[in-house]
């Protein structure tokens, strides 16, 4: 079972880059979505700090705006009336991680 979860997680994390985030969340398992979003958030955050170090003064502000947009899209997806009940519950649980992830860049920007 651990091998299959690892395989599914690896595939879904790689697919995340190529697909719209709301579509990726709808198509993936809940735990895989959490793992993938945490992996990509960590990578993006490290990349933002690298860009700031290289002299891009607006990198953190741009990243904060991107996270706000992603959170808005996820909130709209949860509130969508066409969403099935089981999908709605999963998406509502997933809303906590992006909300927490958005706090760090916003604290640094302000």
C-alpha atoms as a PDB file:
ATOM      1  CA  UNK A   1       0.000   0.000   0.000  1.00  0.00           C
ATOM      2  CA  UNK A   2       2.812   2.432   0.859  1.00  0.00           C
ATOM      3  CA  UNK A   3       4.340   1.831  -2.564  1.00  0.00           C
ATOM      4  CA  UNK A   4       1.069   2.570  -4.349  1.00  0.00           C
ATOM      5  CA  UNK A   5       0.487   5.761  -2.327  1.00  0.00           C
ATOM      6  CA  UNK A   6       4.024   6.898  -3.154  1.00  0.00           C
ATOM      7  CA  UNK A   7       3.491   6.165  -6.843  1.00  0.00           C
ATOM      8  CA  UNK A   8       0.157   7.999  -6.952  1.00  0.00           C
ATOM      9  CA  UNK A   9       1.653  10.946  -5.035  1.00  0.00           C
ATOM     10  CA  UNK A  10       4.625  11.204  -7.403  1.00  0.00           C
ATOM     11  CA  UNK A  11       2.395  11.218 -10.471  1.00  0.00           C
ATOM     12  CA  UNK A  12      -0.036  13.765  -9.033  1.00  0.00           C
ATOM     13  CA  UNK A  13       2.732  16.102  -7.843  1.00  0.00           C
ATOM     14  CA  UNK A  14       4.233  16.102 -11.344  1.00  0.00           C
ATOM     15  CA  UNK A  15       0.828  16.635 -12.982  1.00  0.00           C
ATOM     16  CA  UNK A  16       0.134  19.628 -10.716  1.00  0.00           C
ATOM     17  CA  UNK A  17       2.459  21.825 -12.769  1.00  0.00           C
ATOM     18  CA  UNK A  18       0.695  21.099 -16.062  1.00  0.00           C
ATOM     19  CA  UNK A  19      -2.940  21.391 -14.939  1.00  0.00           C
ATOM     20  CA  UNK A  20      -5.053  24.220 -13.507  1.00  0.00           C
ATOM     21  CA  UNK A  21      -5.011  24.010  -9.705  1.00  0.00           C
ATOM     22  CA  UNK A  22      -8.788  23.707  -9.308  1.00  0.00           C
ATOM     23  CA  UNK A  23      -8.920  20.922 -11.894  1.00  0.00           C
ATOM     24  CA  UNK A  24      -5.996  19.170 -10.197  1.00  0.00           C
ATOM     25  CA  UNK A  25      -7.764  19.304  -6.825  1.00  0.00           C
ATOM     26  CA  UNK A  26     -10.966  17.890  -8.325  1.00  0.00           C
ATOM     27  CA  UNK A  27      -9.156  15.022 -10.055  1.00  0.00           C
ATOM     28  CA  UNK A  28      -6.799  14.004  -7.236  1.00  0.00           C
ATOM     29  CA  UNK A  29      -7.222  12.220  -3.932  1.00  0.00           C
ATOM     30  CA  UNK A  30      -7.451  14.473  -0.877  1.00  0.00           C
ATOM     31  CA  UNK A  31      -4.234  13.295   0.777  1.00  0.00           C
ATOM     32  CA  UNK A  32      -2.347  13.523  -2.514  1.00  0.00           C
ATOM     33  CA  UNK A  33      -3.616  17.062  -3.003  1.00  0.00           C
ATOM     34  CA  UNK A  34      -2.393  18.041   0.451  1.00  0.00           C
ATOM     35  CA  UNK A  35       1.041  16.497  -0.152  1.00  0.00           C
ATOM     36  CA  UNK A  36       1.359  18.084  -3.579  1.00  0.00           C
ATOM     37  CA  UNK A  37       0.261  21.525  -2.463  1.00  0.00           C
ATOM     38  CA  UNK A  38       2.720  21.464   0.450  1.00  0.00           C
ATOM     39  CA  UNK A  39       5.578  20.358  -1.806  1.00  0.00           C
ATOM     40  CA  UNK A  40       4.889  23.060  -4.390  1.00  0.00           C
ATOM     41  CA  UNK A  41       4.294  25.750  -1.763  1.00  0.00           C
ATOM     42  CA  UNK A  42       7.685  24.942  -0.202  1.00  0.00           C
ATOM     43  CA  UNK A  43       9.408  25.034  -3.584  1.00  0.00           C
ATOM     44  CA  UNK A  44       7.710  28.301  -4.598  1.00  0.00           C
ATOM     45  CA  UNK A  45       8.587  29.915  -1.267  1.00  0.00           C
ATOM     46  CA  UNK A  46      12.246  28.918  -1.612  1.00  0.00           C
ATOM     47  CA  UNK A  47      12.205  30.245  -5.181  1.00  0.00           C
ATOM     48  CA  UNK A  48      10.761  33.581  -4.027  1.00  0.00           C
ATOM     49  CA  UNK A  49      13.512  33.994  -1.428  1.00  0.00           C
ATOM     50  CA  UNK A  50      16.104  33.163  -4.111  1.00  0.00           C
ATOM     51  CA  UNK A  51      14.627  35.807  -6.431  1.00  0.00           C
ATOM     52  CA  UNK A  52      14.613  38.392  -3.616  1.00  0.00           C
ATOM     53  CA  UNK A  53      18.264  37.600  -2.907  1.00  0.00           C
ATOM     54  CA  UNK A  54      19.026  38.110  -6.611  1.00  0.00           C
ATOM     55  CA  UNK A  55      17.497  41.589  -6.481  1.00  0.00           C
ATOM     56  CA  UNK A  56      13.849  41.189  -7.499  1.00  0.00           C
ATOM     57  CA  UNK A  57      12.184  43.521  -5.004  1.00  0.00           C
ATOM     58  CA  UNK A  58       8.644  42.582  -6.025  1.00  0.00           C
ATOM     59  CA  UNK A  59       9.009  38.782  -5.877  1.00  0.00           C
ATOM     60  CA  UNK A  60       7.424  38.390  -2.441  1.00  0.00           C
ATOM     61  CA  UNK A  61       4.580  40.782  -3.268  1.00  0.00           C
ATOM     62  CA  UNK A  62       3.885  38.907  -6.521  1.00  0.00           C
ATOM     63  CA  UNK A  63       3.921  35.585  -4.684  1.00  0.00           C
ATOM     64  CA  UNK A  64       1.507  36.907  -2.053  1.00  0.00           C
ATOM     65  CA  UNK A  65      -0.850  38.052  -4.817  1.00  0.00           C
ATOM     66  CA  UNK A  66      -0.616  34.628  -6.479  1.00  0.00           C
ATOM     67  CA  UNK A  67      -1.478  32.875  -3.201  1.00  0.00           C
ATOM     68  CA  UNK A  68      -4.436  35.213  -2.684  1.00  0.00           C
ATOM     69  CA  UNK A  69      -5.705  34.376  -6.165  1.00  0.00           C
ATOM     70  CA  UNK A  70      -5.326  30.646  -5.533  1.00  0.00           C
ATOM     71  CA  UNK A  71      -7.184  30.934  -2.242  1.00  0.00           C
ATOM     72  CA  UNK A  72     -10.002  32.863  -3.931  1.00  0.00           C
ATOM     73  CA  UNK A  73     -10.288  30.200  -6.650  1.00  0.00           C
ATOM     74  CA  UNK A  74     -10.419  27.440  -4.044  1.00  0.00           C
ATOM     75  CA  UNK A  75     -13.039  29.322  -2.023  1.00  0.00           C
ATOM     76  CA  UNK A  76     -15.167  29.777  -5.140  1.00  0.00           C
ATOM     77  CA  UNK A  77     -14.789  26.081  -5.923  1.00  0.00           C
ATOM     78  CA  UNK A  78     -16.010  25.130  -2.439  1.00  0.00           C
ATOM     79  CA  UNK A  79     -18.971  27.503  -2.670  1.00  0.00           C
ATOM     80  CA  UNK A  80     -19.951  26.281  -6.154  1.00  0.00           C
ATOM     81  CA  UNK A  81     -23.461  24.850  -6.102  1.00  0.00           C
ATOM     82  CA  UNK A  82     -22.617  22.204  -8.729  1.00  0.00           C
ATOM     83  CA  UNK A  83     -20.108  20.472  -6.455  1.00  0.00           C
ATOM     84  CA  UNK A  84     -21.081  17.030  -5.135  1.00  0.00           C
ATOM     85  CA  UNK A  85     -21.372  16.634  -1.369  1.00  0.00           C
ATOM     86  CA  UNK A  86     -18.336  14.365  -0.935  1.00  0.00           C
ATOM     87  CA  UNK A  87     -16.195  16.611  -3.112  1.00  0.00           C
ATOM     88  CA  UNK A  88     -17.439  19.698  -1.264  1.00  0.00           C
ATOM     89  CA  UNK A  89     -16.420  18.230   2.112  1.00  0.00           C
ATOM     90  CA  UNK A  90     -12.948  17.330   0.826  1.00  0.00           C
ATOM     91  CA  UNK A  91     -12.422  20.768  -0.693  1.00  0.00           C
ATOM     92  CA  UNK A  92     -13.558  22.483   2.492  1.00  0.00           C
ATOM     93  CA  UNK A  93     -10.911  20.531   4.413  1.00  0.00           C
ATOM     94  CA  UNK A  94      -8.296  21.487   1.830  1.00  0.00           C
ATOM     95  CA  UNK A  95      -9.102  25.173   2.283  1.00  0.00           C
ATOM     96  CA  UNK A  96      -7.216  25.290   5.593  1.00  0.00           C
ATOM     97  CA  UNK A  97      -3.735  24.596   4.133  1.00  0.00           C
ATOM     98  CA  UNK A  98      -3.709  27.398   1.497  1.00  0.00           C
ATOM     99  CA  UNK A  99      -5.120  29.850   4.012  1.00  0.00           C
ATOM    100  CA  UNK A 100      -2.264  29.092   6.406  1.00  0.00           C
ATOM    101  CA  UNK A 101       0.314  29.090   3.595  1.00  0.00           C
ATOM    102  CA  UNK A 102      -0.815  32.564   2.519  1.00  0.00           C
ATOM    103  CA  UNK A 103      -0.029  34.083   5.932  1.00  0.00           C
ATOM    104  CA  UNK A 104       3.795  33.865   5.693  1.00  0.00           C
ATOM    105  CA  UNK A 105       4.326  35.955   2.527  1.00  0.00           C
ATOM    106  CA  UNK A 106       1.732  38.507   3.619  1.00  0.00           C
ATOM    107  CA  UNK A 107       3.500  38.988   6.957  1.00  0.00           C
ATOM    108  CA  UNK A 108       6.787  39.574   5.126  1.00  0.00           C
ATOM    109  CA  UNK A 109       5.268  41.976   2.596  1.00  0.00           C
ATOM    110  CA  UNK A 110       3.597  44.185   5.188  1.00  0.00           C
END
